[in-house]
């Protein structure tokens, strides 16, 4: 009957972090990071579908005057905004950044038609915003993976401690 108090002490030590890291294969990606990557893939697919539907992409549009919009550009924009808002539901932590990007892009598009901003300037500012979003997404995925790895390590530490003290009848 000595095993129960011993188990509590061991578990307390492990949870407190007294057990060191154990060597082993790298932890698989967390469920959250897999979901985020899947949602990101769905966003990319939806944006590709917008391009297919409207025969326009801001990345490949050429020979358009600096103060003009391409044919079907506004329709593509609306399609893209819809795709981004769907993505936001899967990743609400970054929704404010995406909403800021949409608002800025709409404003800059209006400025292009008013002749106060060029397409090149809009492209540069959009790329800056997208870079910041990508960094935030990478940090979010890394944090989710780190959290999952820490949880996995805690569980492994408990299992190793139980095995070390030879407590029988415990299955994991």
N, C-alpha and C. Protein backbone atom coordinates (compact mmCIF):
# COMPACT_ATOMS: atom_id res chain seq x y z
N UNK A 1 0.83 -1.20 0.00
CA UNK A 1 0.00 0.00 0.00
C UNK A 1 0.87 1.26 0.00
N UNK A 2 2.16 1.07 0.08
CA UNK A 2 3.09 2.18 0.08
C UNK A 2 3.14 2.87 -1.29
N UNK A 3 2.66 2.26 -2.33
CA UNK A 3 2.77 2.77 -3.69
C UNK A 3 2.00 4.07 -3.89
N UNK A 4 0.84 4.23 -3.31
CA UNK A 4 0.05 5.43 -3.55
C UNK A 4 0.74 6.70 -3.05
N UNK A 5 1.25 6.74 -1.80
CA UNK A 5 1.95 7.96 -1.40
C UNK A 5 3.20 8.18 -2.24
N UNK A 6 3.90 7.13 -2.58
CA UNK A 6 5.10 7.23 -3.40
C UNK A 6 4.75 7.78 -4.78
N UNK A 7 3.65 7.29 -5.33
CA UNK A 7 3.19 7.77 -6.64
C UNK A 7 2.89 9.25 -6.60
N UNK A 8 2.23 9.72 -5.53
CA UNK A 8 1.92 11.15 -5.40
C UNK A 8 3.19 11.99 -5.33
N UNK A 9 4.18 11.52 -4.56
CA UNK A 9 5.43 12.25 -4.45
C UNK A 9 6.14 12.30 -5.80
N UNK A 10 6.19 11.18 -6.47
CA UNK A 10 6.85 11.12 -7.78
C UNK A 10 6.15 12.03 -8.78
N UNK A 11 4.84 11.96 -8.81
CA UNK A 11 4.09 12.81 -9.73
C UNK A 11 4.32 14.28 -9.44
N UNK A 12 4.37 14.63 -8.15
CA UNK A 12 4.63 16.02 -7.77
C UNK A 12 6.00 16.48 -8.25
N UNK A 13 7.00 15.62 -8.08
CA UNK A 13 8.34 15.96 -8.52
C UNK A 13 8.40 16.14 -10.04
N UNK A 14 7.74 15.27 -10.74
CA UNK A 14 7.75 15.34 -12.21
C UNK A 14 7.04 16.58 -12.69
N UNK A 15 5.87 16.84 -12.13
CA UNK A 15 5.11 18.01 -12.55
C UNK A 15 5.87 19.29 -12.22
N UNK A 16 6.60 19.28 -11.11
CA UNK A 16 7.39 20.45 -10.74
C UNK A 16 8.61 20.63 -11.63
N UNK A 17 8.89 19.65 -12.47
CA UNK A 17 9.98 19.78 -13.42
C UNK A 17 11.30 19.23 -12.94
N UNK A 18 11.28 18.41 -11.90
CA UNK A 18 12.53 17.87 -11.39
C UNK A 18 13.10 16.78 -12.29
N UNK A 19 12.29 16.17 -13.10
CA UNK A 19 12.79 15.15 -14.02
C UNK A 19 13.30 15.86 -15.26
N UNK A 20 14.46 15.48 -15.71
CA UNK A 20 15.07 16.13 -16.87
C UNK A 20 14.47 15.64 -18.16
N UNK A 21 14.83 16.30 -19.25
CA UNK A 21 14.32 15.88 -20.55
C UNK A 21 14.86 14.51 -20.93
N UNK A 22 14.06 13.78 -21.62
CA UNK A 22 14.42 12.44 -22.05
C UNK A 22 14.74 12.45 -23.53
N UNK A 23 15.78 11.74 -23.93
CA UNK A 23 16.08 11.68 -25.36
C UNK A 23 15.00 10.89 -26.08
N UNK A 24 14.85 11.18 -27.32
CA UNK A 24 13.86 10.45 -28.11
C UNK A 24 13.61 11.17 -29.41
N UNK A 25 12.73 10.61 -30.20
CA UNK A 25 12.43 11.24 -31.50
C UNK A 25 11.72 12.57 -31.30
N UNK A 26 11.81 13.46 -32.27
CA UNK A 26 11.13 14.73 -32.15
C UNK A 26 9.62 14.52 -32.04
N UNK A 27 9.01 15.39 -31.28
CA UNK A 27 7.56 15.29 -31.07
C UNK A 27 6.83 15.61 -32.38
N UNK A 28 5.74 14.92 -32.62
CA UNK A 28 4.95 15.25 -33.81
C UNK A 28 4.31 16.62 -33.63
N UNK A 29 3.88 17.26 -34.72
CA UNK A 29 3.25 18.57 -34.60
C UNK A 29 1.99 18.47 -33.75
N UNK A 30 1.68 19.54 -33.06
CA UNK A 30 0.49 19.56 -32.22
C UNK A 30 -0.77 19.54 -33.07
N UNK A 31 -1.85 19.12 -32.45
CA UNK A 31 -3.15 19.11 -33.13
C UNK A 31 -3.49 20.52 -33.59
N UNK A 32 -3.22 21.51 -32.72
CA UNK A 32 -3.53 22.89 -33.07
C UNK A 32 -2.74 23.35 -34.29
N UNK A 33 -1.45 23.01 -34.34
CA UNK A 33 -0.66 23.45 -35.50
C UNK A 33 -1.11 22.75 -36.77
N UNK A 34 -1.50 21.49 -36.66
CA UNK A 34 -2.02 20.77 -37.83
C UNK A 34 -3.30 21.44 -38.32
N UNK A 35 -4.17 21.83 -37.38
CA UNK A 35 -5.42 22.51 -37.76
C UNK A 35 -5.13 23.85 -38.41
N UNK A 36 -4.16 24.59 -37.87
CA UNK A 36 -3.82 25.89 -38.45
C UNK A 36 -3.24 25.73 -39.86
N UNK A 37 -2.36 24.75 -40.02
CA UNK A 37 -1.78 24.51 -41.34
C UNK A 37 -2.85 24.06 -42.34
N UNK A 38 -3.78 23.26 -41.87
CA UNK A 38 -4.88 22.81 -42.74
C UNK A 38 -5.76 24.00 -43.15
N UNK A 39 -6.05 24.88 -42.18
CA UNK A 39 -6.85 26.06 -42.49
C UNK A 39 -6.11 26.97 -43.45
N UNK A 40 -4.79 27.08 -43.29
CA UNK A 40 -3.98 27.90 -44.18
C UNK A 40 -4.00 27.34 -45.60
N UNK A 41 -3.91 26.01 -45.68
CA UNK A 41 -3.98 25.35 -46.99
C UNK A 41 -5.33 25.60 -47.64
N UNK A 42 -6.40 25.57 -46.85
CA UNK A 42 -7.74 25.85 -47.39
C UNK A 42 -7.83 27.29 -47.88
N UNK A 43 -7.20 28.23 -47.15
CA UNK A 43 -7.19 29.62 -47.59
C UNK A 43 -6.46 29.74 -48.93
N UNK A 44 -5.30 29.13 -49.03
CA UNK A 44 -4.55 29.18 -50.30
C UNK A 44 -5.37 28.60 -51.44
N UNK A 45 -6.07 27.51 -51.18
CA UNK A 45 -6.91 26.89 -52.20
C UNK A 45 -8.06 27.81 -52.60
N UNK A 46 -8.66 28.46 -51.61
CA UNK A 46 -9.77 29.38 -51.90
C UNK A 46 -9.28 30.58 -52.72
N UNK A 47 -8.09 31.09 -52.40
CA UNK A 47 -7.54 32.21 -53.17
C UNK A 47 -7.24 31.78 -54.60
N UNK A 48 -6.75 30.56 -54.76
CA UNK A 48 -6.51 30.02 -56.10
C UNK A 48 -7.84 29.92 -56.86
N UNK A 49 -8.89 29.51 -56.16
CA UNK A 49 -10.20 29.41 -56.80
C UNK A 49 -10.70 30.80 -57.22
N UNK A 50 -10.43 31.82 -56.41
CA UNK A 50 -10.79 33.19 -56.79
C UNK A 50 -10.09 33.56 -58.10
N UNK A 51 -8.82 33.20 -58.20
CA UNK A 51 -8.05 33.49 -59.41
C UNK A 51 -8.64 32.76 -60.61
N UNK A 52 -9.00 31.50 -60.42
CA UNK A 52 -9.62 30.72 -61.51
C UNK A 52 -10.95 31.32 -61.93
N UNK A 53 -11.74 31.72 -60.95
CA UNK A 53 -13.08 32.25 -61.24
C UNK A 53 -13.02 33.60 -61.96
N UNK A 54 -12.14 34.48 -61.54
CA UNK A 54 -12.12 35.84 -62.06
C UNK A 54 -10.95 36.13 -63.01
N UNK A 55 -10.14 35.14 -63.31
CA UNK A 55 -9.01 35.32 -64.22
C UNK A 55 -8.16 36.53 -63.84
N UNK A 56 -7.92 36.66 -62.55
CA UNK A 56 -7.10 37.76 -62.05
C UNK A 56 -6.35 37.29 -60.81
N UNK A 57 -5.13 37.76 -60.67
CA UNK A 57 -4.35 37.55 -59.45
C UNK A 57 -3.46 38.76 -59.27
N UNK A 58 -3.44 39.36 -58.08
CA UNK A 58 -2.57 40.51 -57.88
C UNK A 58 -1.09 40.16 -58.01
N UNK A 59 -0.75 38.91 -57.83
CA UNK A 59 0.66 38.48 -57.93
C UNK A 59 1.14 38.37 -59.38
N UNK A 60 0.22 38.12 -60.29
CA UNK A 60 0.63 37.89 -61.68
C UNK A 60 0.12 38.95 -62.65
N UNK A 61 -0.67 39.89 -62.17
CA UNK A 61 -1.21 40.93 -63.05
C UNK A 61 -0.08 41.81 -63.60
N UNK A 62 -0.08 41.98 -64.91
CA UNK A 62 0.95 42.80 -65.56
C UNK A 62 0.29 43.75 -66.55
N UNK A 63 1.06 44.71 -66.98
CA UNK A 63 0.61 45.66 -68.01
C UNK A 63 -0.65 46.41 -67.61
N UNK A 64 -0.78 46.71 -66.35
CA UNK A 64 -1.92 47.49 -65.86
C UNK A 64 -1.38 48.86 -65.45
N UNK A 65 -2.00 49.92 -65.91
CA UNK A 65 -1.53 51.26 -65.52
C UNK A 65 -1.50 51.40 -63.99
N UNK A 66 -0.54 52.16 -63.48
CA UNK A 66 -0.33 52.30 -62.03
C UNK A 66 -1.54 52.87 -61.29
N UNK A 67 -2.38 53.62 -61.97
CA UNK A 67 -3.54 54.22 -61.30
C UNK A 67 -4.85 53.64 -61.83
N UNK A 68 -4.83 52.38 -62.21
CA UNK A 68 -6.04 51.72 -62.75
C UNK A 68 -6.17 50.34 -62.13
N UNK A 69 -7.39 49.83 -62.19
CA UNK A 69 -7.65 48.47 -61.72
C UNK A 69 -7.79 47.55 -62.91
N UNK A 70 -7.44 46.32 -62.71
CA UNK A 70 -7.55 45.31 -63.77
C UNK A 70 -9.00 44.87 -63.90
N UNK A 71 -9.29 44.27 -65.05
CA UNK A 71 -10.63 43.69 -65.24
C UNK A 71 -10.84 42.62 -64.16
N UNK A 72 -11.97 42.64 -63.55
CA UNK A 72 -12.38 41.66 -62.51
C UNK A 72 -11.58 41.76 -61.21
N UNK A 73 -10.78 42.80 -61.06
CA UNK A 73 -9.98 42.93 -59.84
C UNK A 73 -10.86 43.11 -58.61
N UNK A 74 -11.88 43.94 -58.71
CA UNK A 74 -12.75 44.17 -57.54
C UNK A 74 -13.51 42.90 -57.16
N UNK A 75 -13.93 42.13 -58.15
CA UNK A 75 -14.61 40.86 -57.85
C UNK A 75 -13.64 39.88 -57.18
N UNK A 76 -12.41 39.83 -57.69
CA UNK A 76 -11.40 38.97 -57.07
C UNK A 76 -11.17 39.40 -55.63
N UNK A 77 -11.07 40.72 -55.41
CA UNK A 77 -10.86 41.22 -54.05
C UNK A 77 -11.96 40.73 -53.11
N UNK A 78 -13.21 40.85 -53.54
CA UNK A 78 -14.32 40.43 -52.68
C UNK A 78 -14.26 38.92 -52.40
N UNK A 79 -13.90 38.16 -53.40
CA UNK A 79 -13.75 36.71 -53.23
C UNK A 79 -12.63 36.42 -52.23
N UNK A 80 -11.52 37.13 -52.36
CA UNK A 80 -10.39 36.95 -51.45
C UNK A 80 -10.75 37.35 -50.03
N UNK A 81 -11.48 38.45 -49.86
CA UNK A 81 -11.88 38.88 -48.52
C UNK A 81 -12.74 37.80 -47.87
N UNK A 82 -13.63 37.22 -48.66
CA UNK A 82 -14.49 36.16 -48.14
C UNK A 82 -13.65 34.94 -47.70
N UNK A 83 -12.68 34.59 -48.51
CA UNK A 83 -11.80 33.46 -48.16
C UNK A 83 -11.03 33.75 -46.89
N UNK A 84 -10.53 34.95 -46.76
CA UNK A 84 -9.77 35.33 -45.56
C UNK A 84 -10.67 35.29 -44.33
N UNK A 85 -11.89 35.75 -44.46
CA UNK A 85 -12.80 35.74 -43.30
C UNK A 85 -13.16 34.32 -42.89
N UNK A 86 -13.22 33.41 -43.82
CA UNK A 86 -13.42 32.00 -43.48
C UNK A 86 -12.20 31.49 -42.72
N UNK A 87 -11.02 31.85 -43.16
CA UNK A 87 -9.79 31.46 -42.48
C UNK A 87 -9.74 32.04 -41.06
N UNK A 88 -10.21 33.27 -40.91
CA UNK A 88 -10.22 33.92 -39.59
C UNK A 88 -10.98 33.10 -38.55
N UNK A 89 -12.04 32.44 -38.98
CA UNK A 89 -12.82 31.63 -38.03
C UNK A 89 -11.99 30.45 -37.52
N UNK A 90 -11.08 29.95 -38.35
CA UNK A 90 -10.21 28.85 -37.93
C UNK A 90 -9.01 29.36 -37.13
N UNK A 91 -8.70 30.63 -37.25
CA UNK A 91 -7.55 31.20 -36.56
C UNK A 91 -7.92 32.58 -35.99
N UNK A 92 -8.79 32.61 -34.98
CA UNK A 92 -9.28 33.89 -34.47
C UNK A 92 -8.20 34.77 -33.84
N UNK A 93 -7.10 34.18 -33.39
CA UNK A 93 -6.04 35.00 -32.79
C UNK A 93 -5.45 35.99 -33.78
N UNK A 94 -5.43 35.61 -35.05
CA UNK A 94 -4.85 36.50 -36.06
C UNK A 94 -5.90 37.27 -36.84
N UNK A 95 -7.16 37.09 -36.50
CA UNK A 95 -8.23 37.79 -37.21
C UNK A 95 -8.02 39.30 -37.24
N UNK A 96 -7.60 39.94 -36.14
CA UNK A 96 -7.40 41.40 -36.21
C UNK A 96 -6.35 41.81 -37.25
N UNK A 97 -5.31 41.01 -37.40
CA UNK A 97 -4.29 41.34 -38.40
C UNK A 97 -4.86 41.22 -39.81
N UNK A 98 -5.66 40.19 -40.05
CA UNK A 98 -6.25 40.02 -41.37
C UNK A 98 -7.29 41.10 -41.64
N UNK A 99 -8.08 41.46 -40.64
CA UNK A 99 -9.06 42.54 -40.84
C UNK A 99 -8.36 43.85 -41.14
N UNK A 100 -7.25 44.10 -40.47
CA UNK A 100 -6.46 45.30 -40.75
C UNK A 100 -5.96 45.27 -42.19
N UNK A 101 -5.49 44.11 -42.65
CA UNK A 101 -5.01 43.98 -44.02
C UNK A 101 -6.14 44.25 -45.01
N UNK A 102 -7.31 43.67 -44.77
CA UNK A 102 -8.45 43.89 -45.67
C UNK A 102 -8.81 45.37 -45.72
N UNK A 103 -8.90 45.99 -44.57
CA UNK A 103 -9.26 47.41 -44.51
C UNK A 103 -8.22 48.27 -45.24
N UNK A 104 -6.97 47.98 -45.00
CA UNK A 104 -5.89 48.73 -45.67
C UNK A 104 -5.93 48.50 -47.18
N UNK A 105 -6.15 47.26 -47.59
CA UNK A 105 -6.17 46.95 -49.02
C UNK A 105 -7.34 47.66 -49.71
N UNK A 106 -8.51 47.67 -49.05
CA UNK A 106 -9.66 48.39 -49.63
C UNK A 106 -9.35 49.87 -49.76
N UNK A 107 -8.76 50.45 -48.71
CA UNK A 107 -8.40 51.86 -48.74
C UNK A 107 -7.41 52.15 -49.85
N UNK A 108 -6.38 51.31 -49.96
CA UNK A 108 -5.37 51.53 -51.00
C UNK A 108 -5.95 51.35 -52.40
N UNK A 109 -6.87 50.40 -52.56
CA UNK A 109 -7.52 50.21 -53.87
C UNK A 109 -8.31 51.46 -54.24
N UNK A 110 -9.01 52.05 -53.27
CA UNK A 110 -9.73 53.30 -53.53
C UNK A 110 -8.76 54.43 -53.89
N UNK A 111 -7.61 54.45 -53.24
CA UNK A 111 -6.62 55.48 -53.53
C UNK A 111 -6.02 55.29 -54.93
N UNK A 112 -5.92 54.07 -55.38
CA UNK A 112 -5.44 53.82 -56.75
C UNK A 112 -6.42 54.43 -57.75
N UNK A 113 -7.71 54.15 -57.54
CA UNK A 113 -8.70 54.69 -58.49
C UNK A 113 -8.79 56.21 -58.40
N UNK A 114 -8.45 56.78 -57.25
CA UNK A 114 -8.46 58.24 -57.09
C UNK A 114 -7.16 58.86 -57.62
N UNK A 115 -6.19 58.03 -57.95
CA UNK A 115 -4.94 58.53 -58.49
C UNK A 115 -3.95 59.00 -57.44
N UNK A 116 -4.18 58.68 -56.17
CA UNK A 116 -3.27 59.14 -55.11
C UNK A 116 -2.31 58.06 -54.62
N UNK A 117 -2.40 56.85 -55.17
CA UNK A 117 -1.52 55.75 -54.81
C UNK A 117 -1.30 54.90 -56.05
N UNK A 118 -0.14 54.33 -56.17
CA UNK A 118 0.12 53.47 -57.33
C UNK A 118 -0.06 52.00 -56.95
N UNK A 119 -0.23 51.19 -57.95
CA UNK A 119 -0.32 49.74 -57.74
C UNK A 119 0.96 49.22 -57.08
N UNK A 120 2.09 49.76 -57.49
CA UNK A 120 3.37 49.34 -56.91
C UNK A 120 3.44 49.66 -55.42
N UNK A 121 2.95 50.83 -55.05
CA UNK A 121 2.94 51.21 -53.63
C UNK A 121 2.01 50.28 -52.84
N UNK A 122 0.86 49.98 -53.41
CA UNK A 122 -0.07 49.06 -52.74
C UNK A 122 0.58 47.69 -52.58
N UNK A 123 1.25 47.24 -53.63
CA UNK A 123 1.91 45.93 -53.58
C UNK A 123 2.95 45.89 -52.46
N UNK A 124 3.76 46.94 -52.37
CA UNK A 124 4.81 46.99 -51.35
C UNK A 124 4.22 46.96 -49.95
N UNK A 125 3.21 47.77 -49.71
CA UNK A 125 2.58 47.82 -48.37
C UNK A 125 1.88 46.51 -48.05
N UNK A 126 1.25 45.90 -49.05
CA UNK A 126 0.58 44.62 -48.83
C UNK A 126 1.59 43.54 -48.47
N UNK A 127 2.70 43.51 -49.17
CA UNK A 127 3.75 42.52 -48.87
C UNK A 127 4.28 42.69 -47.45
N UNK A 128 4.43 43.93 -47.00
CA UNK A 128 4.88 44.18 -45.62
C UNK A 128 3.88 43.61 -44.61
N UNK A 129 2.61 43.85 -44.86
CA UNK A 129 1.56 43.33 -43.96
C UNK A 129 1.54 41.81 -43.98
N UNK A 130 1.66 41.22 -45.17
CA UNK A 130 1.65 39.77 -45.28
C UNK A 130 2.86 39.14 -44.60
N UNK A 131 3.99 39.82 -44.66
CA UNK A 131 5.18 39.32 -43.99
C UNK A 131 4.97 39.30 -42.47
N UNK A 132 4.38 40.35 -41.93
CA UNK A 132 4.10 40.40 -40.49
C UNK A 132 3.12 39.30 -40.09
N UNK A 133 2.12 39.07 -40.92
CA UNK A 133 1.14 38.02 -40.64
C UNK A 133 1.81 36.66 -40.69
N UNK A 134 2.66 36.43 -41.68
CA UNK A 134 3.35 35.14 -41.79
C UNK A 134 4.23 34.90 -40.57
N UNK A 135 4.92 35.92 -40.09
CA UNK A 135 5.74 35.78 -38.89
C UNK A 135 4.87 35.43 -37.68
N UNK A 136 3.72 36.08 -37.56
CA UNK A 136 2.81 35.78 -36.45
C UNK A 136 2.28 34.35 -36.55
N UNK A 137 1.96 33.90 -37.76
CA UNK A 137 1.48 32.53 -37.95
C UNK A 137 2.57 31.52 -37.58
N UNK A 138 3.80 31.77 -38.01
CA UNK A 138 4.90 30.86 -37.69
C UNK A 138 5.13 30.81 -36.18
N UNK A 139 5.08 31.97 -35.53
CA UNK A 139 5.25 32.02 -34.08
C UNK A 139 4.13 31.27 -33.37
N UNK A 140 2.92 31.41 -33.88
CA UNK A 140 1.76 30.73 -33.29
C UNK A 140 1.92 29.22 -33.41
N UNK A 141 2.34 28.75 -34.56
CA UNK A 141 2.52 27.31 -34.77
C UNK A 141 3.67 26.79 -33.91
N UNK A 142 4.76 27.55 -33.84
CA UNK A 142 5.89 27.13 -33.00
C UNK A 142 5.48 27.05 -31.54
N UNK A 143 4.70 28.01 -31.07
CA UNK A 143 4.25 28.00 -29.68
C UNK A 143 3.34 26.80 -29.41
N UNK A 144 2.46 26.49 -30.34
CA UNK A 144 1.57 25.33 -30.17
C UNK A 144 2.38 24.04 -30.13
N UNK A 145 3.38 23.93 -31.00
CA UNK A 145 4.22 22.73 -31.00
C UNK A 145 5.04 22.63 -29.72
N UNK A 146 5.56 23.74 -29.23
CA UNK A 146 6.33 23.74 -27.99
C UNK A 146 5.45 23.32 -26.82
N UNK A 147 4.26 23.86 -26.76
CA UNK A 147 3.34 23.49 -25.68
C UNK A 147 3.02 22.00 -25.73
N UNK A 148 2.78 21.48 -26.92
CA UNK A 148 2.49 20.05 -27.06
C UNK A 148 3.70 19.22 -26.65
N UNK A 149 4.89 19.64 -27.03
CA UNK A 149 6.10 18.90 -26.66
C UNK A 149 6.30 18.90 -25.16
N UNK A 150 6.02 20.03 -24.51
CA UNK A 150 6.14 20.09 -23.05
C UNK A 150 5.13 19.17 -22.38
N UNK A 151 3.92 19.13 -22.87
CA UNK A 151 2.91 18.24 -22.31
C UNK A 151 3.31 16.78 -22.51
N UNK A 152 3.81 16.46 -23.70
CA UNK A 152 4.26 15.10 -23.96
C UNK A 152 5.40 14.71 -23.03
N UNK A 153 6.32 15.65 -22.79
CA UNK A 153 7.46 15.38 -21.91
C UNK A 153 6.99 15.15 -20.48
N UNK A 154 6.03 15.92 -20.02
CA UNK A 154 5.50 15.73 -18.67
C UNK A 154 4.89 14.34 -18.52
N UNK A 155 4.14 13.92 -19.50
CA UNK A 155 3.53 12.59 -19.46
C UNK A 155 4.61 11.53 -19.46
N UNK A 156 5.62 11.69 -20.32
CA UNK A 156 6.70 10.71 -20.36
C UNK A 156 7.46 10.67 -19.05
N UNK A 157 7.65 11.83 -18.42
CA UNK A 157 8.34 11.87 -17.12
C UNK A 157 7.57 11.10 -16.06
N UNK A 158 6.26 11.24 -16.05
CA UNK A 158 5.44 10.51 -15.08
C UNK A 158 5.56 9.01 -15.34
N UNK A 159 5.47 8.62 -16.60
CA UNK A 159 5.58 7.19 -16.94
C UNK A 159 6.94 6.65 -16.53
N UNK A 160 8.00 7.40 -16.84
CA UNK A 160 9.35 6.95 -16.48
C UNK A 160 9.52 6.86 -14.96
N UNK A 161 8.97 7.80 -14.23
CA UNK A 161 9.07 7.77 -12.77
C UNK A 161 8.34 6.57 -12.19
N UNK A 162 7.17 6.31 -12.73
CA UNK A 162 6.39 5.15 -12.27
C UNK A 162 7.18 3.87 -12.53
N UNK A 163 7.77 3.78 -13.71
CA UNK A 163 8.56 2.60 -14.04
C UNK A 163 9.80 2.50 -13.16
N UNK A 164 10.43 3.66 -12.87
CA UNK A 164 11.64 3.68 -12.07
C UNK A 164 11.39 3.13 -10.66
N UNK A 165 10.24 3.42 -10.11
CA UNK A 165 9.92 2.95 -8.76
C UNK A 165 9.24 1.59 -8.78
N UNK A 166 9.09 1.02 -9.96
CA UNK A 166 8.57 -0.34 -10.08
C UNK A 166 7.13 -0.48 -9.64
N UNK A 167 6.38 0.56 -9.79
CA UNK A 167 4.98 0.47 -9.40
C UNK A 167 4.26 -0.36 -10.44
N UNK A 168 3.59 -1.38 -9.98
CA UNK A 168 2.92 -2.29 -10.90
C UNK A 168 1.44 -1.94 -11.00
N UNK A 169 0.86 -2.44 -12.01
CA UNK A 169 -0.58 -2.24 -12.20
C UNK A 169 -0.94 -0.92 -12.82
N UNK A 170 0.05 -0.15 -13.27
CA UNK A 170 -0.21 1.14 -13.91
C UNK A 170 -0.01 0.95 -15.41
N UNK A 171 -1.02 1.25 -16.18
CA UNK A 171 -0.93 1.14 -17.64
C UNK A 171 -1.08 2.52 -18.26
N UNK A 172 -0.29 2.75 -19.25
CA UNK A 172 -0.34 4.03 -19.97
C UNK A 172 -0.52 3.78 -21.43
